[in-house]
């Protein structure tokens, strides 16, 4: 019984690590959303 819990815990950890490590590279995706703002376009609310 105790061995089953340990093996189940290890399997759960492995699944979580595998799911977290197989995400795509978000650094490349962030470049799609970067936008430059011209200072002339910004107006003060006064």
Protein backbone atom coordinates (compact mmCIF):
# COMPACT_ATOMS: atom_id res chain seq x y z
CA UNK A 1 0.00 0.00 0.00
CA UNK A 2 2.76 2.42 0.94
CA UNK A 3 4.75 1.51 -2.17
CA UNK A 4 1.75 2.24 -4.38
CA UNK A 5 1.46 5.74 -2.91
CA UNK A 6 5.13 6.44 -3.48
CA UNK A 7 4.97 5.20 -7.07
CA UNK A 8 1.78 7.16 -7.69
CA UNK A 9 3.43 10.30 -6.29
CA UNK A 10 6.51 9.84 -8.47
CA UNK A 11 4.35 9.23 -11.53
CA UNK A 12 2.35 12.38 -10.78
CA UNK A 13 5.53 14.43 -10.43
CA UNK A 14 6.88 13.06 -13.70
CA UNK A 15 3.67 13.91 -15.53
CA UNK A 16 3.68 17.46 -14.17
CA UNK A 17 7.34 18.00 -15.06
CA UNK A 18 6.79 16.59 -18.55
CA UNK A 19 3.76 18.82 -19.09
CA UNK A 20 5.63 21.91 -17.90
CA UNK A 21 8.74 21.27 -19.96
CA UNK A 22 7.00 20.66 -23.29
CA UNK A 23 5.52 24.13 -23.59
CA UNK A 24 6.58 26.04 -26.71
CA UNK A 25 9.16 28.79 -26.57
CA UNK A 26 7.19 31.86 -25.50
CA UNK A 27 10.11 34.23 -26.01
CA UNK A 28 9.62 33.95 -29.76
CA UNK A 29 5.87 34.42 -29.42
CA UNK A 30 6.30 37.57 -27.34
CA UNK A 31 7.92 39.34 -30.28
CA UNK A 32 4.61 39.17 -32.11
CA UNK A 33 2.94 41.29 -29.43
CA UNK A 34 5.66 43.90 -28.91
CA UNK A 35 4.57 47.29 -30.17
CA UNK A 36 6.37 50.58 -30.13
CA UNK A 37 4.50 53.67 -29.00
CA UNK A 38 5.40 57.04 -30.41
CA UNK A 39 5.60 59.77 -27.77
CA UNK A 40 3.59 62.04 -30.03
CA UNK A 41 0.65 59.63 -29.81
CA UNK A 42 0.48 59.85 -26.01
CA UNK A 43 -1.64 62.71 -24.68
CA UNK A 44 -2.05 63.88 -21.12
CA UNK A 45 -5.48 63.67 -19.55
CA UNK A 46 -5.46 67.28 -18.32
